[in-house]
């Protein structure tokens, strides 16, 4: 079974700020978890969200054999 993680952003019309949502999706079942939302994602914050996900998965974490992380860079070919 595979687990995919990535960010998407939301532009908030009320605060005029961009928020980043870090989420995971179980590829087989298409089950989506929102792991966290922040205005400034950085390495330590992302690492903590992954730790929290592993705690939530518990023994099921061993079921996942592949972790997919896509990085889409605007303007890159």
PDB file of N, CA and C in Angstrom:
ATOM      1  N   UNK A   1       0.845  -1.168   0.000  1.00  0.00           N
ATOM      2  CA  UNK A   1       0.000   0.000   0.000  1.00  0.00           C
ATOM      3  C   UNK A   1       0.895   1.237   0.000  1.00  0.00           C
ATOM      4  N   UNK A   2       0.427   2.291  -0.636  1.00  0.00           N
ATOM      5  CA  UNK A   2       1.228   3.522  -0.745  1.00  0.00           C
ATOM      6  C   UNK A   2       0.547   4.660  -0.010  1.00  0.00           C
ATOM      7  N   UNK A   3       1.363   5.560   0.488  1.00  0.00           N
ATOM      8  CA  UNK A   3       0.898   6.747   1.184  1.00  0.00           C
ATOM      9  C   UNK A   3       1.512   7.955   0.493  1.00  0.00           C
ATOM     10  N   UNK A   4       0.684   8.917   0.097  1.00  0.00           N
ATOM     11  CA  UNK A   4       1.175  10.131  -0.560  1.00  0.00           C
ATOM     12  C   UNK A   4       1.000  11.313   0.383  1.00  0.00           C
ATOM     13  N   UNK A   5       1.962  12.221   0.388  1.00  0.00           N
ATOM     14  CA  UNK A   5       1.870  13.444   1.182  1.00  0.00           C
ATOM     15  C   UNK A   5       2.232  14.633   0.297  1.00  0.00           C
ATOM     16  N   UNK A   6       1.593  15.761   0.560  1.00  0.00           N
ATOM     17  CA  UNK A   6       1.900  16.964  -0.207  1.00  0.00           C
ATOM     18  C   UNK A   6       1.261  18.171   0.468  1.00  0.00           C
ATOM     19  N   UNK A   7       1.555  19.342  -0.066  1.00  0.00           N
ATOM     20  CA  UNK A   7       0.965  20.602   0.383  1.00  0.00           C
ATOM     21  C   UNK A   7       0.008  21.117  -0.684  1.00  0.00           C
ATOM     22  N   UNK A   8      -1.018  21.832  -0.264  1.00  0.00           N
ATOM     23  CA  UNK A   8      -1.754  22.706  -1.163  1.00  0.00           C
ATOM     24  C   UNK A   8      -1.959  24.017  -0.419  1.00  0.00           C
ATOM     25  N   UNK A   9      -2.207  25.083  -1.160  1.00  0.00           N
ATOM     26  CA  UNK A   9      -2.371  26.380  -0.481  1.00  0.00           C
ATOM     27  C   UNK A   9      -3.776  26.921  -0.699  1.00  0.00           C
ATOM     28  N   UNK A  10      -4.189  27.745   0.254  1.00  0.00           N
ATOM     29  CA  UNK A  10      -5.484  28.410   0.219  1.00  0.00           C
ATOM     30  C   UNK A  10      -5.228  29.885   0.488  1.00  0.00           C
ATOM     31  N   UNK A  11      -5.744  30.746  -0.356  1.00  0.00           N
ATOM     32  CA  UNK A  11      -5.636  32.189  -0.127  1.00  0.00           C
ATOM     33  C   UNK A  11      -6.871  32.634   0.635  1.00  0.00           C
ATOM     34  N   UNK A  12      -6.665  33.110   1.841  1.00  0.00           N
ATOM     35  CA  UNK A  12      -7.760  33.499   2.725  1.00  0.00           C
ATOM     36  C   UNK A  12      -8.232  34.908   2.375  1.00  0.00           C
ATOM     37  N   UNK A  13      -9.507  35.038   2.004  1.00  0.00           N
ATOM     38  CA  UNK A  13     -10.060  36.335   1.610  1.00  0.00           C
ATOM     39  C   UNK A  13     -10.250  37.263   2.808  1.00  0.00           C
ATOM     40  N   UNK A  14     -10.395  36.715   3.997  1.00  0.00           N
ATOM     41  CA  UNK A  14     -10.628  37.534   5.183  1.00  0.00           C
ATOM     42  C   UNK A  14      -9.329  38.178   5.667  1.00  0.00           C
ATOM     43  N   UNK A  15      -8.266  37.369   5.789  1.00  0.00           N
ATOM     44  CA  UNK A  15      -6.996  37.878   6.320  1.00  0.00           C
ATOM     45  C   UNK A  15      -6.005  38.276   5.233  1.00  0.00           C
ATOM     46  N   UNK A  16      -6.343  37.973   3.979  1.00  0.00           N
ATOM     47  CA  UNK A  16      -5.457  38.243   2.832  1.00  0.00           C
ATOM     48  C   UNK A  16      -4.097  37.568   3.002  1.00  0.00           C
ATOM     49  N   UNK A  17      -4.108  36.375   3.576  1.00  0.00           N
ATOM     50  CA  UNK A  17      -2.879  35.601   3.775  1.00  0.00           C
ATOM     51  C   UNK A  17      -3.003  34.270   3.056  1.00  0.00           C
ATOM     52  N   UNK A  18      -1.880  33.722   2.689  1.00  0.00           N
ATOM     53  CA  UNK A  18      -1.837  32.388   2.090  1.00  0.00           C
ATOM     54  C   UNK A  18      -1.557  31.384   3.200  1.00  0.00           C
ATOM     55  N   UNK A  19      -2.388  30.345   3.261  1.00  0.00           N
ATOM     56  CA  UNK A  19      -2.202  29.271   4.229  1.00  0.00           C
ATOM     57  C   UNK A  19      -1.852  27.997   3.474  1.00  0.00           C
ATOM     58  N   UNK A  20      -0.956  27.228   4.049  1.00  0.00           N
ATOM     59  CA  UNK A  20      -0.519  25.973   3.441  1.00  0.00           C
ATOM     60  C   UNK A  20      -1.080  24.808   4.249  1.00  0.00           C
ATOM     61  N   UNK A  21      -1.685  23.886   3.553  1.00  0.00           N
ATOM     62  CA  UNK A  21      -2.276  22.709   4.178  1.00  0.00           C
ATOM     63  C   UNK A  21      -1.425  21.492   3.799  1.00  0.00           C
ATOM     64  N   UNK A  22      -0.965  20.766   4.785  1.00  0.00           N
ATOM     65  CA  UNK A  22      -0.183  19.549   4.581  1.00  0.00           C
ATOM     66  C   UNK A  22      -1.132  18.374   4.770  1.00  0.00           C
ATOM     67  N   UNK A  23      -1.200  17.494   3.773  1.00  0.00           N
ATOM     68  CA  UNK A  23      -2.157  16.397   3.843  1.00  0.00           C
ATOM     69  C   UNK A  23      -1.514  15.084   3.408  1.00  0.00           C
ATOM     70  N   UNK A  24      -2.167  14.001   3.783  1.00  0.00           N
ATOM     71  CA  UNK A  24      -1.737  12.676   3.332  1.00  0.00           C
ATOM     72  C   UNK A  24      -2.933  11.971   2.714  1.00  0.00           C
ATOM     73  N   UNK A  25      -2.651  11.069   1.785  1.00  0.00           N
ATOM     74  CA  UNK A  25      -3.701  10.278   1.156  1.00  0.00           C
ATOM     75  C   UNK A  25      -3.235   8.834   1.042  1.00  0.00           C
ATOM     76  N   UNK A  26      -4.077   7.916   1.529  1.00  0.00           N
ATOM     77  CA  UNK A  26      -3.829   6.498   1.323  1.00  0.00           C
ATOM     78  C   UNK A  26      -4.252   6.198  -0.106  1.00  0.00           C
ATOM     79  N   UNK A  27      -3.299   5.825  -0.944  1.00  0.00           N
ATOM     80  CA  UNK A  27      -3.550   5.700  -2.371  1.00  0.00           C
ATOM     81  C   UNK A  27      -4.596   4.633  -2.679  1.00  0.00           C
ATOM     82  N   UNK A  28      -4.557   3.508  -2.006  1.00  0.00           N
ATOM     83  CA  UNK A  28      -5.496   2.427  -2.292  1.00  0.00           C
ATOM     84  C   UNK A  28      -6.938   2.767  -1.971  1.00  0.00           C
ATOM     85  N   UNK A  29      -7.162   3.404  -0.827  1.00  0.00           N
ATOM     86  CA  UNK A  29      -8.527   3.704  -0.390  1.00  0.00           C
ATOM     87  C   UNK A  29      -8.936   5.149  -0.673  1.00  0.00           C
ATOM     88  N   UNK A  30      -7.967   5.985  -1.060  1.00  0.00           N
ATOM     89  CA  UNK A  30      -8.182   7.419  -1.282  1.00  0.00           C
ATOM     90  C   UNK A  30      -8.649   8.139  -0.018  1.00  0.00           C
ATOM     91  N   UNK A  31      -8.276   7.628   1.130  1.00  0.00           N
ATOM     92  CA  UNK A  31      -8.591   8.258   2.410  1.00  0.00           C
ATOM     93  C   UNK A  31      -7.620   9.413   2.626  1.00  0.00           C
ATOM     94  N   UNK A  32      -8.157  10.610   2.869  1.00  0.00           N
ATOM     95  CA  UNK A  32      -7.337  11.818   3.001  1.00  0.00           C
ATOM     96  C   UNK A  32      -7.364  12.303   4.446  1.00  0.00           C
ATOM     97  N   UNK A  33      -6.189  12.666   4.958  1.00  0.00           N
ATOM     98  CA  UNK A  33      -6.059  13.265   6.283  1.00  0.00           C
ATOM     99  C   UNK A  33      -5.414  14.642   6.127  1.00  0.00           C
ATOM    100  N   UNK A  34      -5.991  15.638   6.754  1.00  0.00           N
ATOM    101  CA  UNK A  34      -5.334  16.943   6.829  1.00  0.00           C
ATOM    102  C   UNK A  34      -4.430  16.892   8.050  1.00  0.00           C
ATOM    103  N   UNK A  35      -3.137  17.009   7.819  1.00  0.00           N
ATOM    104  CA  UNK A  35      -2.165  16.873   8.895  1.00  0.00           C
ATOM    105  C   UNK A  35      -1.922  18.178   9.632  1.00  0.00           C
ATOM    106  N   UNK A  36      -2.058  19.297   8.949  1.00  0.00           N
ATOM    107  CA  UNK A  36      -1.845  20.575   9.597  1.00  0.00           C
ATOM    108  C   UNK A  36      -1.956  21.721   8.617  1.00  0.00           C
ATOM    109  N   UNK A  37      -2.185  22.914   9.153  1.00  0.00           N
ATOM    110  CA  UNK A  37      -2.295  24.136   8.350  1.00  0.00           C
ATOM    111  C   UNK A  37      -1.423  25.196   9.010  1.00  0.00           C
ATOM    112  N   UNK A  38      -0.634  25.894   8.199  1.00  0.00           N
ATOM    113  CA  UNK A  38       0.242  26.941   8.715  1.00  0.00           C
ATOM    114  C   UNK A  38       0.482  27.995   7.639  1.00  0.00           C
ATOM    115  N   UNK A  39       0.842  29.176   8.070  1.00  0.00           N
ATOM    116  CA  UNK A  39       1.201  30.239   7.128  1.00  0.00           C
ATOM    117  C   UNK A  39       2.658  30.129   6.692  1.00  0.00           C
ATOM    118  N   UNK A  40       3.482  29.458   7.491  1.00  0.00           N
ATOM    119  CA  UNK A  40       4.914  29.369   7.198  1.00  0.00           C
ATOM    120  C   UNK A  40       5.415  27.940   7.396  1.00  0.00           C
ATOM    121  N   UNK A  41       5.211  27.058   6.404  1.00  0.00           N
ATOM    122  CA  UNK A  41       5.713  25.696   6.564  1.00  0.00           C
ATOM    123  C   UNK A  41       7.243  25.680   6.481  1.00  0.00           C
ATOM    124  N   UNK A  42       7.856  24.985   7.408  1.00  0.00           N
ATOM    125  CA  UNK A  42       9.310  24.821   7.370  1.00  0.00           C
ATOM    126  C   UNK A  42       9.635  23.378   7.721  1.00  0.00           C
ATOM    127  N   UNK A  43      10.893  23.062   7.713  1.00  0.00           N
ATOM    128  CA  UNK A  43      11.332  21.688   7.951  1.00  0.00           C
ATOM    129  C   UNK A  43      10.901  21.118   9.287  1.00  0.00           C
ATOM    130  N   UNK A  44      11.149  21.814  10.395  1.00  0.00           N
ATOM    131  CA  UNK A  44      10.744  21.281  11.698  1.00  0.00           C
ATOM    132  C   UNK A  44       9.226  21.091  11.825  1.00  0.00           C
ATOM    133  N   UNK A  45       8.449  22.021  11.285  1.00  0.00           N
ATOM    134  CA  UNK A  45       6.995  21.898  11.352  1.00  0.00           C
ATOM    135  C   UNK A  45       6.523  20.679  10.561  1.00  0.00           C
ATOM    136  N   UNK A  46       7.076  20.506   9.353  1.00  0.00           N
ATOM    137  CA  UNK A  46       6.701  19.370   8.511  1.00  0.00           C
ATOM    138  C   UNK A  46       7.104  18.055   9.169  1.00  0.00           C
ATOM    139  N   UNK A  47       8.289  18.007   9.746  1.00  0.00           N
ATOM    140  CA  UNK A  47       8.756  16.805  10.434  1.00  0.00           C
ATOM    141  C   UNK A  47       7.819  16.435  11.579  1.00  0.00           C
ATOM    142  N   UNK A  48       7.366  17.424  12.340  1.00  0.00           N
ATOM    143  CA  UNK A  48       6.452  17.153  13.445  1.00  0.00           C
ATOM    144  C   UNK A  48       5.114  16.623  12.943  1.00  0.00           C
ATOM    145  N   UNK A  49       4.640  17.134  11.805  1.00  0.00           N
ATOM    146  CA  UNK A  49       3.373  16.641  11.255  1.00  0.00           C
ATOM    147  C   UNK A  49       3.496  15.175  10.830  1.00  0.00           C
ATOM    148  N   UNK A  50       4.646  14.801  10.276  1.00  0.00           N
ATOM    149  CA  UNK A  50       4.873  13.398   9.894  1.00  0.00           C
ATOM    150  C   UNK A  50       4.939  12.526  11.144  1.00  0.00           C
ATOM    151  N   UNK A  51       5.596  13.005  12.195  1.00  0.00           N
ATOM    152  CA  UNK A  51       5.631  12.241  13.456  1.00  0.00           C
ATOM    153  C   UNK A  51       4.222  12.029  13.994  1.00  0.00           C
ATOM    154  N   UNK A  52       3.395  13.073  13.954  1.00  0.00           N
ATOM    155  CA  UNK A  52       2.012  12.955  14.415  1.00  0.00           C
ATOM    156  C   UNK A  52       1.236  11.936  13.577  1.00  0.00           C
ATOM    157  N   UNK A  53       1.469  11.943  12.266  1.00  0.00           N
ATOM    158  CA  UNK A  53       0.803  10.976  11.389  1.00  0.00           C
ATOM    159  C   UNK A  53       1.194   9.554  11.768  1.00  0.00           C
ATOM    160  N   UNK A  54       2.485   9.317  12.009  1.00  0.00           N
ATOM    161  CA  UNK A  54       2.932   7.972  12.378  1.00  0.00           C
ATOM    162  C   UNK A  54       2.322   7.520  13.703  1.00  0.00           C
ATOM    163  N   UNK A  55       2.162   8.445  14.632  1.00  0.00           N
ATOM    164  CA  UNK A  55       1.510   8.104  15.898  1.00  0.00           C
ATOM    165  C   UNK A  55       0.043   7.752  15.663  1.00  0.00           C
ATOM    166  N   UNK A  56      -0.632   8.505  14.790  1.00  0.00           N
ATOM    167  CA  UNK A  56      -2.038   8.227  14.489  1.00  0.00           C
ATOM    168  C   UNK A  56      -2.210   6.882  13.795  1.00  0.00           C
ATOM    169  N   UNK A  57      -1.273   6.550  12.904  1.00  0.00           N
ATOM    170  CA  UNK A  57      -1.376   5.278  12.171  1.00  0.00           C
ATOM    171  C   UNK A  57      -1.092   4.084  13.081  1.00  0.00           C
ATOM    172  N   UNK A  58      -0.240   4.275  14.061  1.00  0.00           N
ATOM    173  CA  UNK A  58       0.096   3.189  14.980  1.00  0.00           C
ATOM    174  C   UNK A  58       0.675   1.992  14.251  1.00  0.00           C
ATOM    175  N   UNK A  59       0.114   0.810  14.503  1.00  0.00           N
ATOM    176  CA  UNK A  59       0.611  -0.418  13.883  1.00  0.00           C
ATOM    177  C   UNK A  59       0.368  -0.453  12.382  1.00  0.00           C
ATOM    178  N   UNK A  60      -0.599   0.330  11.895  1.00  0.00           N
ATOM    179  CA  UNK A  60      -0.880   0.358  10.455  1.00  0.00           C
ATOM    180  C   UNK A  60       0.256   0.983   9.656  1.00  0.00           C
ATOM    181  N   UNK A  61       1.152   1.728  10.310  1.00  0.00           N
ATOM    182  CA  UNK A  61       2.263   2.373   9.603  1.00  0.00           C
ATOM    183  C   UNK A  61       3.125   1.341   8.883  1.00  0.00           C
ATOM    184  N   UNK A  62       3.210   0.137   9.428  1.00  0.00           N
ATOM    185  CA  UNK A  62       4.018  -0.921   8.800  1.00  0.00           C
ATOM    186  C   UNK A  62       3.376  -1.440   7.515  1.00  0.00           C
ATOM    187  N   UNK A  63       2.080  -1.180   7.310  1.00  0.00           N
ATOM    188  CA  UNK A  63       1.394  -1.635   6.095  1.00  0.00           C
ATOM    189  C   UNK A  63       1.828  -0.854   4.859  1.00  0.00           C
ATOM    190  N   UNK A  64       2.349   0.346   5.048  1.00  0.00           N
ATOM    191  CA  UNK A  64       2.710   1.190   3.914  1.00  0.00           C
ATOM    192  C   UNK A  64       4.140   0.884   3.487  1.00  0.00           C
ATOM    193  N   UNK A  65       4.284   0.566   2.199  1.00  0.00           N
ATOM    194  CA  UNK A  65       5.594   0.199   1.666  1.00  0.00           C
ATOM    195  C   UNK A  65       6.225   1.332   0.867  1.00  0.00           C
ATOM    196  N   UNK A  66       5.402   2.280   0.410  1.00  0.00           N
ATOM    197  CA  UNK A  66       5.892   3.352  -0.446  1.00  0.00           C
ATOM    198  C   UNK A  66       5.364   4.680   0.080  1.00  0.00           C
ATOM    199  N   UNK A  67       6.239   5.687   0.153  1.00  0.00           N
ATOM    200  CA  UNK A  67       5.833   7.051   0.488  1.00  0.00           C
ATOM    201  C   UNK A  67       6.078   7.905  -0.749  1.00  0.00           C
ATOM    202  N   UNK A  68       5.033   8.531  -1.242  1.00  0.00           N
ATOM    203  CA  UNK A  68       5.126   9.351  -2.440  1.00  0.00           C
ATOM    204  C   UNK A  68       5.095  10.807  -2.015  1.00  0.00           C
ATOM    205  N   UNK A  69       6.075  11.570  -2.451  1.00  0.00           N
ATOM    206  CA  UNK A  69       6.107  13.012  -2.172  1.00  0.00           C
ATOM    207  C   UNK A  69       6.385  13.723  -3.471  1.00  0.00           C
ATOM    208  N   UNK A  70       5.404  14.435  -3.978  1.00  0.00           N
ATOM    209  CA  UNK A  70       5.565  15.169  -5.216  1.00  0.00           C
ATOM    210  C   UNK A  70       5.982  16.587  -4.909  1.00  0.00           C
ATOM    211  N   UNK A  71       6.879  17.106  -5.675  1.00  0.00           N
ATOM    212  CA  UNK A  71       7.299  18.498  -5.533  1.00  0.00           C
ATOM    213  C   UNK A  71       7.095  19.164  -6.873  1.00  0.00           C
ATOM    214  N   UNK A  72       6.109  20.015  -6.939  1.00  0.00           N
ATOM    215  CA  UNK A  72       5.837  20.733  -8.179  1.00  0.00           C
ATOM    216  C   UNK A  72       6.383  22.140  -8.036  1.00  0.00           C
ATOM    217  N   UNK A  73       7.311  22.472  -8.908  1.00  0.00           N
ATOM    218  CA  UNK A  73       7.941  23.780  -8.865  1.00  0.00           C
ATOM    219  C   UNK A  73       7.413  24.593 -10.052  1.00  0.00           C
ATOM    220  N   UNK A  74       6.732  25.710  -9.777  1.00  0.00           N
ATOM    221  CA  UNK A  74       6.218  26.517 -10.895  1.00  0.00           C
ATOM    222  C   UNK A  74       7.337  26.982 -11.809  1.00  0.00           C
ATOM    223  N   UNK A  75       7.112  26.860 -13.106  1.00  0.00           N
ATOM    224  CA  UNK A  75       8.082  27.316 -14.078  1.00  0.00           C
ATOM    225  C   UNK A  75       9.186  26.315 -14.394  1.00  0.00           C
ATOM    226  N   UNK A  76       9.240  25.199 -13.664  1.00  0.00           N
ATOM    227  CA  UNK A  76      10.269  24.199 -13.947  1.00  0.00           C
ATOM    228  C   UNK A  76       9.798  23.295 -15.077  1.00  0.00           C
ATOM    229  N   UNK A  77      10.734  22.881 -15.937  1.00  0.00           N
ATOM    230  CA  UNK A  77      10.335  21.973 -17.008  1.00  0.00           C
ATOM    231  C   UNK A  77      11.017  20.640 -16.873  1.00  0.00           C
TER     232      UNK A  77
END
